[in-house]
């Protein structure tokens, strides 16, 4: 899907790919005059509330358990500055710069809808940080996903008032140093602005964006590498027949089966053993459409929920119009927390079945493929110990699969008595996916090694091109060596998406089409 060159915050429909495009600089995010006017009108409504003296949560009251404490008109501005400072209690390693940048992008989009009472000057300063790549440093731990992501969002916006740290021109500096370099001055936040900045789910949602992208890469790689392993072990094509999957028509199952059929088109290896006596393959080969497909369906579920969240107003209170201000719970992270836990499980299962295929390749039960994927074993251990690593990673993922959203610890003296823990869901999902990337990299190496023993027979055009490419990175192993070096090259190949790019390039050059009706749903985000 081609991305737009410009995106209007608050006005246009935001997707994960557009958010990533803005973060990478390939899409320019702007505010239209109409939506600047909406922001001004919402801010004016807050000023009117303060002027009239009506008691409205977060505008002229304290926060959380202090919601019944009235704040004087004179102190409302001090309140907003104090809330950023008091809620900046994050700990742990900082999140990546791209995640912090995504948080900023998602927050600008939500505030620009004109229901939050933010001042134009404040949102313009946020845009300045985005455009000049001066991205605040945000600790990874401290959010319970209750009033959204209070602690990480507080750190994200400390620089607005001259505090905190930023990543700028390749180094981490204090905001004070940034101001000296740029001539900026701290902002004085008006009523409700501090609360509007720190209430919301942008930490959780930013992780959701990254999960969506990285998990899709894993899903694509799993199909491609699984197809290569099927060829290397002379697996059967029958379990991928379209007629079979029409009888159990889950979208993900049909999509994966169609992709594998496409990848194996024209394979001499398949033709060579079409009449063999083997009745059926182990599940890790035979059930790829069912297992990979279930993870695909989970990814699609996350995509649908995430897009709703990316285009929502999630702070509190929400300024509906001149007469109506509502203190509700749009900031609660539960909708994404549960979906991210589900995505974590889906990712873990990809790694689990990949590990099983690796183990299968080492057994030596496939004709022509030696035990441990090496002819001269005994003096050589072959690929034996690589599976130890995938076993460790798969087991680690299982231990990370406990759903964070199943837990809740009351906070704010009981005012926030049920919290989502969605920030932990997002962090765990990314950790699991990073482990799966490593498992798939090792399967790529073992599948390429098994594939070698099918020569001089050729596979389909696409898989043969992939095998040639892998051999430019990692050579065939006829004796033991430091396999960690091979694994690192495999991980780099997976993370860069080089195989995915090669597949698309080859299919375009050979005028091939994916044999699936669900291409747009599963391959765009």
Protein backbone atom coordinates (compact mmCIF):
# COMPACT_ATOMS: atom_id res chain seq x y z
CA UNK A 1 0.00 0.00 0.00
CA UNK A 2 1.39 3.36 -1.03
CA UNK A 3 1.59 5.87 1.82
CA UNK A 4 0.36 9.46 1.48
CA UNK A 5 2.99 12.20 1.27
CA UNK A 6 1.19 14.28 3.92
CA UNK A 7 -1.07 13.40 6.82
CA UNK A 8 -3.44 15.82 8.58
CA UNK A 9 -3.38 15.22 12.33
CA UNK A 10 -6.81 14.84 13.89
CA UNK A 11 -8.51 14.87 10.50
CA UNK A 12 -7.20 11.93 8.45
CA UNK A 13 -7.51 8.25 9.34
CA UNK A 14 -4.33 6.98 10.99
CA UNK A 15 -2.99 3.47 10.42
CA UNK A 16 0.08 1.76 11.83
CA UNK A 17 1.92 2.09 8.52
CA UNK A 18 1.20 5.83 8.30
CA UNK A 19 2.35 6.32 11.90
CA UNK A 20 5.58 4.49 11.10
CA UNK A 21 5.91 6.55 7.92
CA UNK A 22 5.69 9.77 9.92
CA UNK A 23 8.24 8.40 12.41
CA UNK A 24 10.64 7.54 9.57
CA UNK A 25 10.13 10.87 7.80
CA UNK A 26 8.56 9.46 4.62
CA UNK A 27 5.18 10.99 5.54
CA UNK A 28 4.85 14.60 6.76
CA UNK A 29 2.34 15.20 9.55
CA UNK A 30 0.65 18.61 9.55
CA UNK A 31 -2.28 20.44 11.14
CA UNK A 32 -4.89 21.97 8.85
CA UNK A 33 -6.40 25.40 9.53
CA UNK A 34 -9.80 23.82 10.24
CA UNK A 35 -8.40 21.58 12.94
CA UNK A 36 -6.31 24.34 14.47
CA UNK A 37 -9.61 26.15 14.85
CA UNK A 38 -11.16 23.10 16.55
CA UNK A 39 -8.24 22.98 18.98
CA UNK A 40 -8.64 26.69 19.78
CA UNK A 41 -12.37 26.26 20.37
CA UNK A 42 -11.81 23.36 22.77
CA UNK A 43 -9.18 25.35 24.66
CA UNK A 44 -11.58 28.30 24.92
CA UNK A 45 -14.20 26.01 26.49
CA UNK A 46 -11.73 25.13 29.23
CA UNK A 47 -10.95 28.81 29.82
CA UNK A 48 -14.68 29.49 30.17
CA UNK A 49 -15.07 26.71 32.73
CA UNK A 50 -12.30 28.24 34.83
CA UNK A 51 -13.75 31.73 34.46
CA UNK A 52 -17.23 30.58 35.56
CA UNK A 53 -15.86 28.61 38.50
CA UNK A 54 -17.73 25.39 37.65
CA UNK A 55 -16.17 22.37 39.32
CA UNK A 56 -14.83 20.05 36.62
CA UNK A 57 -12.41 17.20 37.29
CA UNK A 58 -8.84 17.91 36.24
CA UNK A 59 -9.52 21.52 35.33
CA UNK A 60 -9.99 23.01 38.77
CA UNK A 61 -9.78 19.92 40.97
CA UNK A 62 -6.98 17.65 42.07
CA UNK A 63 -6.34 14.30 40.40
CA UNK A 64 -7.22 10.72 41.26
CA UNK A 65 -8.11 10.47 44.96
CA UNK A 66 -7.81 14.28 45.16
CA UNK A 67 -10.68 14.72 42.70
CA UNK A 68 -12.82 16.41 45.39
CA UNK A 69 -10.13 18.98 46.23
CA UNK A 70 -11.06 22.31 44.62
CA UNK A 71 -8.18 24.29 43.08
CA UNK A 72 -8.32 28.06 42.93
CA UNK A 73 -8.34 29.91 39.63
CA UNK A 74 -4.88 31.28 40.41
CA UNK A 75 -3.42 27.81 41.04
CA UNK A 76 -4.81 25.96 38.02
CA UNK A 77 -1.67 26.64 35.96
CA UNK A 78 0.67 25.52 38.77
CA UNK A 79 -1.42 22.34 39.03
CA UNK A 80 -0.70 21.42 35.40
CA UNK A 81 3.06 21.85 35.76
CA UNK A 82 3.06 19.92 39.02
CA UNK A 83 1.22 16.97 37.52
CA UNK A 84 3.92 16.46 34.87
CA UNK A 85 6.61 16.48 37.54
CA UNK A 86 4.85 14.34 40.15
CA UNK A 87 3.84 11.70 37.61
CA UNK A 88 7.32 11.38 36.08
CA UNK A 89 8.22 8.29 38.09
CA UNK A 90 9.27 5.91 35.32
CA UNK A 91 12.16 3.49 35.83
CA UNK A 92 14.12 1.00 33.75
CA UNK A 93 15.90 1.34 30.45
CA UNK A 94 14.47 3.96 28.08
CA UNK A 95 12.26 2.72 25.28
CA UNK A 96 13.67 3.00 21.77
CA UNK A 97 13.66 6.37 20.07
CA UNK A 98 11.19 5.14 17.44
CA UNK A 99 8.74 4.03 20.14
CA UNK A 100 8.96 7.41 21.89
CA UNK A 101 8.48 9.12 18.53
CA UNK A 102 5.41 7.00 17.85
CA UNK A 103 4.02 8.00 21.25
CA UNK A 104 4.43 11.65 20.27
CA UNK A 105 2.78 11.11 16.88
CA UNK A 106 -0.18 9.25 18.35
CA UNK A 107 -0.67 11.88 21.06
CA UNK A 108 -0.63 14.75 18.58
CA UNK A 109 -3.26 12.96 16.49
CA UNK A 110 -5.54 12.38 19.50
CA UNK A 111 -5.22 15.94 20.83
CA UNK A 112 -5.75 17.43 17.36
CA UNK A 113 -9.28 16.06 17.25
CA UNK A 114 -10.32 19.01 19.43
CA UNK A 115 -11.82 17.37 22.52
CA UNK A 116 -8.96 17.84 24.98
CA UNK A 117 -8.66 21.56 25.68
CA UNK A 118 -5.00 21.75 24.69
CA UNK A 119 -3.58 25.14 23.60
CA UNK A 120 -2.39 25.65 20.03
CA UNK A 121 1.01 26.77 21.34
CA UNK A 122 1.41 23.47 23.17
CA UNK A 123 0.54 21.28 20.21
CA UNK A 124 2.79 23.41 17.99
CA UNK A 125 5.69 22.75 20.38
CA UNK A 126 4.94 19.02 20.15
CA UNK A 127 5.08 19.32 16.37
CA UNK A 128 8.41 21.14 16.68
CA UNK A 129 9.87 18.21 18.61
CA UNK A 130 8.62 15.84 15.93
CA UNK A 131 9.85 17.89 12.97
CA UNK A 132 13.28 18.54 14.51
CA UNK A 133 13.68 14.95 15.72
CA UNK A 134 14.16 16.10 19.32
CA UNK A 135 12.54 13.06 20.91
CA UNK A 136 12.08 12.87 24.69
CA UNK A 137 13.64 10.05 26.70
CA UNK A 138 10.94 7.78 28.15
CA UNK A 139 11.61 5.03 30.75
CA UNK A 140 10.14 1.64 29.90
CA UNK A 141 8.57 0.79 33.27
CA UNK A 142 6.03 2.47 35.50
CA UNK A 143 2.70 2.37 33.66
CA UNK A 144 -0.17 0.18 34.84
CA UNK A 145 -2.38 1.20 31.91
CA UNK A 146 -4.97 2.72 34.22
CA UNK A 147 -5.50 6.39 33.36
CA UNK A 148 -3.66 5.26 30.31
CA UNK A 149 0.10 5.56 30.50
CA UNK A 150 0.60 8.27 33.12
CA UNK A 151 4.29 7.83 33.91
CA UNK A 152 5.68 7.38 30.38
CA UNK A 153 3.53 10.20 28.99
CA UNK A 154 4.70 12.48 31.80
CA UNK A 155 8.31 11.84 30.83
CA UNK A 156 7.41 12.35 27.17
CA UNK A 157 6.17 15.88 27.89
CA UNK A 158 8.58 17.07 30.58
CA UNK A 159 10.58 18.92 27.87
CA UNK A 160 7.57 21.18 27.24
CA UNK A 161 8.18 22.77 30.64
CA UNK A 162 11.99 22.70 30.37
CA UNK A 163 12.62 19.42 32.21
CA UNK A 164 13.64 15.89 31.30
CA UNK A 165 15.96 14.67 28.55
CA UNK A 166 15.81 14.34 24.78
CA UNK A 167 17.55 12.43 22.00
CA UNK A 168 18.79 15.15 19.65
CA UNK A 169 21.38 15.04 16.84
CA UNK A 170 22.54 11.59 17.85
CA UNK A 171 23.07 12.27 21.56
CA UNK A 172 21.07 12.31 24.77
CA UNK A 173 21.01 15.77 26.35
CA UNK A 174 18.99 17.60 28.99
CA UNK A 175 16.14 19.81 27.90
CA UNK A 176 18.07 22.74 29.36
CA UNK A 177 20.88 21.98 26.89
CA UNK A 178 18.35 21.66 24.07
CA UNK A 179 16.93 25.10 24.87
CA UNK A 180 20.43 26.63 24.81
CA UNK A 181 21.08 25.09 21.40
CA UNK A 182 17.73 26.09 19.87
CA UNK A 183 16.64 29.23 21.75
CA UNK A 184 13.38 27.64 22.90
CA UNK A 185 11.77 28.63 26.19
CA UNK A 186 9.65 26.52 28.58
CA UNK A 187 5.89 26.65 28.04
CA UNK A 188 3.45 27.71 30.73
CA UNK A 189 0.67 25.14 30.62
CA UNK A 190 -2.90 26.32 30.97
CA UNK A 191 -5.82 24.64 32.79
CA UNK A 192 -6.28 20.93 31.99
CA UNK A 193 -3.30 20.83 29.64
CA UNK A 194 -1.09 18.73 31.90
CA UNK A 195 -3.85 16.20 32.39
CA UNK A 196 -4.62 16.10 28.66
CA UNK A 197 -0.97 15.35 27.96
CA UNK A 198 -0.54 12.48 30.40
CA UNK A 199 -3.97 10.77 30.20
CA UNK A 200 -4.09 8.38 27.27
CA UNK A 201 -2.92 5.03 25.88
CA UNK A 202 -0.12 6.20 23.62
CA UNK A 203 2.60 4.07 25.28
CA UNK A 204 0.48 0.94 24.86
CA UNK A 205 -0.63 1.93 21.34
CA UNK A 206 2.93 2.72 20.20
CA UNK A 207 3.95 -0.77 21.27
CA UNK A 208 0.91 -2.06 19.39
CA UNK A 209 2.15 -0.37 16.22
CA UNK A 210 5.56 -2.01 16.55
CA UNK A 211 4.02 -5.39 17.41
CA UNK A 212 1.82 -5.19 14.33
CA UNK A 213 4.78 -4.49 12.05
CA UNK A 214 7.27 -6.93 13.57
CA UNK A 215 4.76 -9.75 14.00
CA UNK A 216 3.68 -9.42 10.38
CA UNK A 217 7.33 -9.76 9.33
CA UNK A 218 7.58 -12.92 11.43
CA UNK A 219 4.38 -14.31 9.91
CA UNK A 220 5.64 -13.71 6.37
CA UNK A 221 9.03 -15.23 7.17
CA UNK A 222 7.44 -18.26 8.87
CA UNK A 223 5.50 -19.15 5.70
CA UNK A 224 8.54 -18.71 3.45
CA UNK A 225 11.00 -20.55 5.70
CA UNK A 226 8.42 -23.26 6.46
CA UNK A 227 7.95 -23.82 2.72
CA UNK A 228 11.73 -24.13 2.29
CA UNK A 229 11.87 -26.66 5.14
CA UNK A 230 8.99 -28.60 3.54
CA UNK A 231 11.09 -28.86 0.37
CA UNK A 232 14.27 -29.74 2.25
CA UNK A 233 12.51 -32.62 4.06
CA UNK A 234 10.44 -33.67 1.03
CA UNK A 235 7.13 -32.97 2.72
CA UNK A 236 3.78 -33.49 1.02
CA UNK A 237 1.85 -30.76 -0.77
CA UNK A 238 -1.54 -32.34 -0.12
CA UNK A 239 -2.23 -30.61 3.24
CA UNK A 240 -2.12 -27.25 1.42
CA UNK A 241 -4.79 -28.00 -1.19
CA UNK A 242 -7.37 -25.26 -1.65
CA UNK A 243 -10.22 -27.78 -1.50
CA UNK A 244 -9.20 -28.92 1.97
CA UNK A 245 -9.13 -25.43 3.44
CA UNK A 246 -12.45 -24.50 1.84
CA UNK A 247 -13.98 -27.03 4.25
CA UNK A 248 -12.64 -25.11 7.27
CA UNK A 249 -12.50 -21.59 5.87
CA UNK A 250 -10.63 -19.58 8.46
CA UNK A 251 -9.08 -16.62 6.65
CA UNK A 252 -5.62 -17.13 8.13
CA UNK A 253 -5.53 -20.84 7.26
CA UNK A 254 -6.56 -20.19 3.66
CA UNK A 255 -4.06 -17.35 3.33
CA UNK A 256 -1.10 -19.41 4.57
CA UNK A 257 -2.02 -22.44 2.46
CA UNK A 258 -2.30 -20.20 -0.59
CA UNK A 259 1.07 -18.57 0.08
CA UNK A 260 2.81 -21.93 0.43
CA UNK A 261 1.18 -23.24 -2.76
CA UNK A 262 2.47 -20.17 -4.58
CA UNK A 263 6.00 -20.58 -3.21
CA UNK A 264 6.12 -24.22 -4.34
CA UNK A 265 4.85 -23.68 -7.88
CA UNK A 266 6.99 -25.53 -10.42
CA UNK A 267 9.01 -27.47 -7.86
CA UNK A 268 11.01 -30.42 -9.22
CA UNK A 269 11.54 -31.59 -5.64
CA UNK A 270 7.80 -32.05 -5.15
CA UNK A 271 7.46 -33.91 -8.43
CA UNK A 272 10.34 -36.23 -7.48
CA UNK A 273 8.51 -37.77 -4.52
CA UNK A 274 4.88 -37.39 -5.55
CA UNK A 275 4.33 -41.20 -5.46
CA UNK A 276 6.41 -41.94 -2.34
CA UNK A 277 5.11 -44.41 0.27
CA UNK A 278 5.05 -41.92 3.16
CA UNK A 279 1.41 -41.45 4.25
CA UNK A 280 1.66 -38.14 6.14
CA UNK A 281 4.09 -35.62 7.59
CA UNK A 282 4.49 -34.57 11.23
CA UNK A 283 2.27 -31.71 12.37
CA UNK A 284 5.00 -29.08 12.23
CA UNK A 285 4.99 -29.47 8.43
CA UNK A 286 1.45 -30.62 7.78
CA UNK A 287 -0.33 -28.12 10.02
CA UNK A 288 1.43 -24.91 9.01
CA UNK A 289 -1.81 -23.44 7.61
CA UNK A 290 -3.64 -24.17 10.87
CA UNK A 291 -0.91 -22.91 13.23
CA UNK A 292 0.51 -20.03 11.17
CA UNK A 293 -3.06 -19.25 10.14
CA UNK A 294 -4.28 -18.97 13.73
CA UNK A 295 -1.49 -16.49 14.41
CA UNK A 296 -2.51 -14.62 11.25
CA UNK A 297 -6.08 -14.35 12.53
CA UNK A 298 -4.75 -13.01 15.83
CA UNK A 299 -2.68 -10.41 13.98
CA UNK A 300 -5.79 -9.33 12.05
CA UNK A 301 -7.70 -8.93 15.33
CA UNK A 302 -4.97 -6.69 16.73
CA UNK A 303 -4.89 -4.66 13.52
CA UNK A 304 -8.64 -3.97 13.69
CA UNK A 305 -8.59 -2.96 17.38
CA UNK A 306 -5.41 -0.90 17.05
CA UNK A 307 -6.83 1.20 14.22
CA UNK A 308 -9.83 2.08 16.39
CA UNK A 309 -7.47 3.11 19.18
CA UNK A 310 -5.18 5.14 16.94
CA UNK A 311 -8.15 7.27 15.84
CA UNK A 312 -9.74 7.71 19.27
CA UNK A 313 -9.72 10.35 22.00
CA UNK A 314 -8.30 8.65 25.09
CA UNK A 315 -7.64 11.42 27.62
CA UNK A 316 -9.86 12.65 30.44
CA UNK A 317 -12.01 14.64 30.98
CA UNK A 318 -13.31 15.01 27.43
CA UNK A 319 -14.68 18.39 26.35
CA UNK A 320 -17.66 17.44 24.17
CA UNK A 321 -19.14 20.93 23.65
CA UNK A 322 -19.89 24.16 25.53
CA UNK A 323 -22.38 22.43 27.83
CA UNK A 324 -20.94 18.95 28.20
CA UNK A 325 -17.64 17.85 29.76
CA UNK A 326 -17.40 14.18 30.70
CA UNK A 327 -15.02 12.51 33.13
CA UNK A 328 -15.08 8.93 31.87
CA UNK A 329 -12.72 6.07 31.23
CA UNK A 330 -11.57 6.29 27.62
CA UNK A 331 -7.99 6.10 28.89
CA UNK A 332 -8.37 2.55 30.22
CA UNK A 333 -5.94 0.28 28.39
CA UNK A 334 -7.95 -2.96 28.55
CA UNK A 335 -9.03 -3.13 24.85
CA UNK A 336 -5.41 -3.15 23.65
CA UNK A 337 -4.00 -4.98 26.69
CA UNK A 338 -6.00 -8.12 25.95
CA UNK A 339 -5.28 -7.95 22.21
CA UNK A 340 -1.53 -7.56 22.84
CA UNK A 341 -1.54 -10.56 25.18
CA UNK A 342 -3.29 -12.52 22.43
CA UNK A 343 -0.67 -11.33 19.92
CA UNK A 344 2.11 -12.41 22.29
CA UNK A 345 0.65 -15.93 22.37
CA UNK A 346 0.35 -15.93 18.57
CA UNK A 347 4.00 -14.94 18.22
CA UNK A 348 5.12 -17.55 20.73
CA UNK A 349 3.34 -20.30 18.79
CA UNK A 350 5.19 -19.30 15.60
CA UNK A 351 8.45 -19.84 17.47
CA UNK A 352 7.24 -23.09 18.99
CA UNK A 353 6.33 -24.75 15.69
CA UNK A 354 9.51 -23.39 14.07
CA UNK A 355 11.59 -25.06 16.79
CA UNK A 356 9.78 -28.34 16.09
CA UNK A 357 10.61 -28.13 12.37
CA UNK A 358 14.26 -27.51 13.24
CA UNK A 359 14.25 -30.60 15.48
CA UNK A 360 12.57 -32.59 12.69
CA UNK A 361 15.31 -31.57 10.25
CA UNK A 362 18.01 -32.93 12.60
CA UNK A 363 16.48 -36.40 13.06
CA UNK A 364 17.72 -37.77 9.76
CA UNK A 365 14.40 -39.45 8.93
CA UNK A 366 13.96 -37.73 5.57
CA UNK A 367 15.54 -39.65 2.65
CA UNK A 368 18.78 -38.05 1.53
CA UNK A 369 19.10 -35.69 4.48
CA UNK A 370 21.76 -36.82 7.00
CA UNK A 371 21.27 -36.78 10.74
CA UNK A 372 22.20 -33.41 12.23
CA UNK A 373 22.29 -32.03 8.66
CA UNK A 374 25.94 -33.04 8.18
CA UNK A 375 27.51 -36.08 6.51
CA UNK A 376 30.53 -36.50 8.76
CA UNK A 377 29.15 -36.52 12.32
CA UNK A 378 30.83 -37.85 15.41
CA UNK A 379 33.84 -35.64 15.03
CA UNK A 380 31.31 -32.95 14.05
CA UNK A 381 28.17 -32.11 16.04
CA UNK A 382 26.52 -30.57 12.99
CA UNK A 383 23.47 -28.44 13.63
CA UNK A 384 22.60 -30.20 16.91
CA UNK A 385 23.30 -27.34 19.29
CA UNK A 386 21.50 -24.68 17.24
CA UNK A 387 18.27 -26.38 18.29
CA UNK A 388 19.31 -25.99 21.95
CA UNK A 389 19.15 -22.25 21.38
CA UNK A 390 15.72 -22.39 19.76
CA UNK A 391 14.50 -24.65 22.56
CA UNK A 392 15.71 -22.10 25.12
CA UNK A 393 14.07 -19.21 23.27
CA UNK A 394 10.80 -21.09 22.77
CA UNK A 395 10.73 -22.00 26.46
CA UNK A 396 11.48 -18.41 27.48
CA UNK A 397 8.56 -17.29 25.34
CA UNK A 398 6.23 -19.74 27.05
CA UNK A 399 7.15 -18.23 30.41
CA UNK A 400 6.39 -14.74 29.01
CA UNK A 401 2.95 -15.74 27.74
CA UNK A 402 1.11 -15.25 31.04
CA UNK A 403 -1.35 -12.48 30.14
CA UNK A 404 -0.47 -9.23 31.86
CA UNK A 405 -4.09 -8.13 31.40
CA UNK A 406 -5.19 -10.95 33.73
CA UNK A 407 -3.62 -9.05 36.60
CA UNK A 408 -4.73 -5.87 38.35
CA UNK A 409 -3.30 -4.00 41.33
CA UNK A 410 -5.37 -1.08 42.67
CA UNK A 411 -3.65 2.32 42.56
CA UNK A 412 -4.44 5.94 43.41
CA UNK A 413 -5.75 5.04 46.89
CA UNK A 414 -8.40 2.84 45.30
CA UNK A 415 -9.74 5.45 42.89
CA UNK A 416 -8.12 3.46 40.11
CA UNK A 417 -9.21 0.10 41.47
CA UNK A 418 -8.94 -1.89 38.25
CA UNK A 419 -6.00 -1.38 35.91
CA UNK A 420 -5.13 -3.01 32.58
CA UNK A 421 -1.36 -3.58 32.80
CA UNK A 422 -1.45 -3.03 29.03
CA UNK A 423 2.00 -1.45 29.00
CA UNK A 424 3.42 -4.77 30.22
CA UNK A 425 1.38 -6.61 27.58
CA UNK A 426 3.02 -4.48 24.87
CA UNK A 427 6.53 -4.80 26.24
CA UNK A 428 6.23 -8.59 26.64
CA UNK A 429 4.80 -9.01 23.15
CA UNK A 430 7.80 -7.22 21.63
CA UNK A 431 10.20 -9.29 23.72
CA UNK A 432 8.58 -12.52 22.51
CA UNK A 433 8.64 -11.36 18.89
CA UNK A 434 12.35 -10.54 19.14
CA UNK A 435 12.93 -14.11 20.36
CA UNK A 436 10.86 -15.46 17.47
CA UNK A 437 13.01 -13.52 15.00
CA UNK A 438 16.01 -15.43 16.37
CA UNK A 439 14.24 -18.79 16.17
CA UNK A 440 13.19 -18.13 12.57
CA UNK A 441 16.76 -17.11 11.71
CA UNK A 442 18.01 -20.48 12.95
CA UNK A 443 15.26 -22.30 11.03
CA UNK A 444 16.33 -20.38 7.93
CA UNK A 445 19.88 -21.73 8.33
CA UNK A 446 18.74 -25.31 8.92
CA UNK A 447 16.19 -25.21 6.08
CA UNK A 448 18.89 -23.90 3.71
CA UNK A 449 21.21 -26.73 4.81
CA UNK A 450 18.51 -29.39 4.26
CA UNK A 451 17.60 -27.76 0.94
CA UNK A 452 21.17 -28.29 -0.23
CA UNK A 453 20.79 -32.07 -0.14
CA UNK A 454 18.01 -31.92 -2.77
CA UNK A 455 20.39 -30.77 -5.49
CA UNK A 456 20.48 -31.05 -8.46
CA UNK A 457 16.67 -30.92 -8.22
CA UNK A 458 15.25 -27.43 -8.18
CA UNK A 459 12.44 -25.95 -6.13
CA UNK A 460 10.04 -23.28 -7.33
CA UNK A 461 11.53 -20.09 -8.75
CA UNK A 462 11.02 -18.08 -5.56
CA UNK A 463 12.53 -20.58 -3.11
CA UNK A 464 15.52 -21.21 -5.37
CA UNK A 465 16.21 -17.45 -5.44
CA UNK A 466 15.98 -17.31 -1.65
CA UNK A 467 18.43 -20.20 -1.29
CA UNK A 468 20.91 -18.51 -3.61
CA UNK A 469 20.61 -15.32 -1.57
CA UNK A 470 21.19 -17.12 1.72
CA UNK A 471 24.34 -18.65 0.32
CA UNK A 472 25.71 -15.14 -0.29
CA UNK A 473 25.40 -14.62 3.47
CA UNK A 474 26.15 -18.05 4.95
CA UNK A 475 27.98 -20.90 3.22
CA UNK A 476 27.04 -24.59 3.28
CA UNK A 477 28.47 -26.26 6.40
CA UNK A 478 30.35 -29.56 5.82
CA UNK A 479 32.10 -29.32 9.20
CA UNK A 480 31.66 -27.57 12.53
CA UNK A 481 32.37 -23.85 12.88
CA UNK A 482 31.31 -20.97 15.13
CA UNK A 483 27.62 -21.10 14.26
CA UNK A 484 26.91 -18.00 16.33
CA UNK A 485 28.35 -15.97 13.44
CA UNK A 486 25.92 -17.64 11.02
CA UNK A 487 23.03 -17.02 13.42
CA UNK A 488 23.84 -13.32 13.67
CA UNK A 489 23.75 -13.03 9.88
CA UNK A 490 20.45 -14.88 9.84
CA UNK A 491 18.94 -12.59 12.47
CA UNK A 492 20.08 -9.53 10.55
CA UNK A 493 18.50 -10.91 7.38
CA UNK A 494 15.20 -11.49 9.19
CA UNK A 495 15.13 -8.10 10.90
CA UNK A 496 15.91 -6.23 7.68
CA UNK A 497 13.19 -8.09 5.80
CA UNK A 498 15.63 -8.92 2.99
CA UNK A 499 13.95 -12.23 2.16
CA UNK A 500 10.50 -10.64 2.02
CA UNK A 501 11.83 -7.99 -0.36
CA UNK A 502 13.50 -10.67 -2.51
CA UNK A 503 10.28 -12.69 -2.70
CA UNK A 504 8.29 -9.67 -3.88
CA UNK A 505 10.98 -8.69 -6.38
CA UNK A 506 11.16 -12.22 -7.82
CA UNK A 507 7.39 -12.56 -8.07
CA UNK A 508 7.12 -9.24 -9.86
CA UNK A 509 9.92 -10.14 -12.27
CA UNK A 510 8.36 -13.54 -13.04
CA UNK A 511 4.80 -12.16 -13.17
CA UNK A 512 3.64 -14.45 -10.34
CA UNK A 513 0.57 -13.74 -8.18
CA UNK A 514 -0.12 -14.86 -4.62
CA UNK A 515 -2.75 -17.60 -4.59
CA UNK A 516 -4.89 -16.11 -1.80
CA UNK A 517 -8.01 -13.90 -1.72
CA UNK A 518 -6.95 -12.26 1.55
CA UNK A 519 -3.77 -10.53 0.40
CA UNK A 520 -4.84 -6.97 1.26
CA UNK A 521 -6.21 -7.86 4.69
CA UNK A 522 -3.13 -9.73 5.86
CA UNK A 523 -0.33 -7.96 4.05
CA UNK A 524 -1.19 -4.30 4.74
CA UNK A 525 -1.39 -2.41 8.00
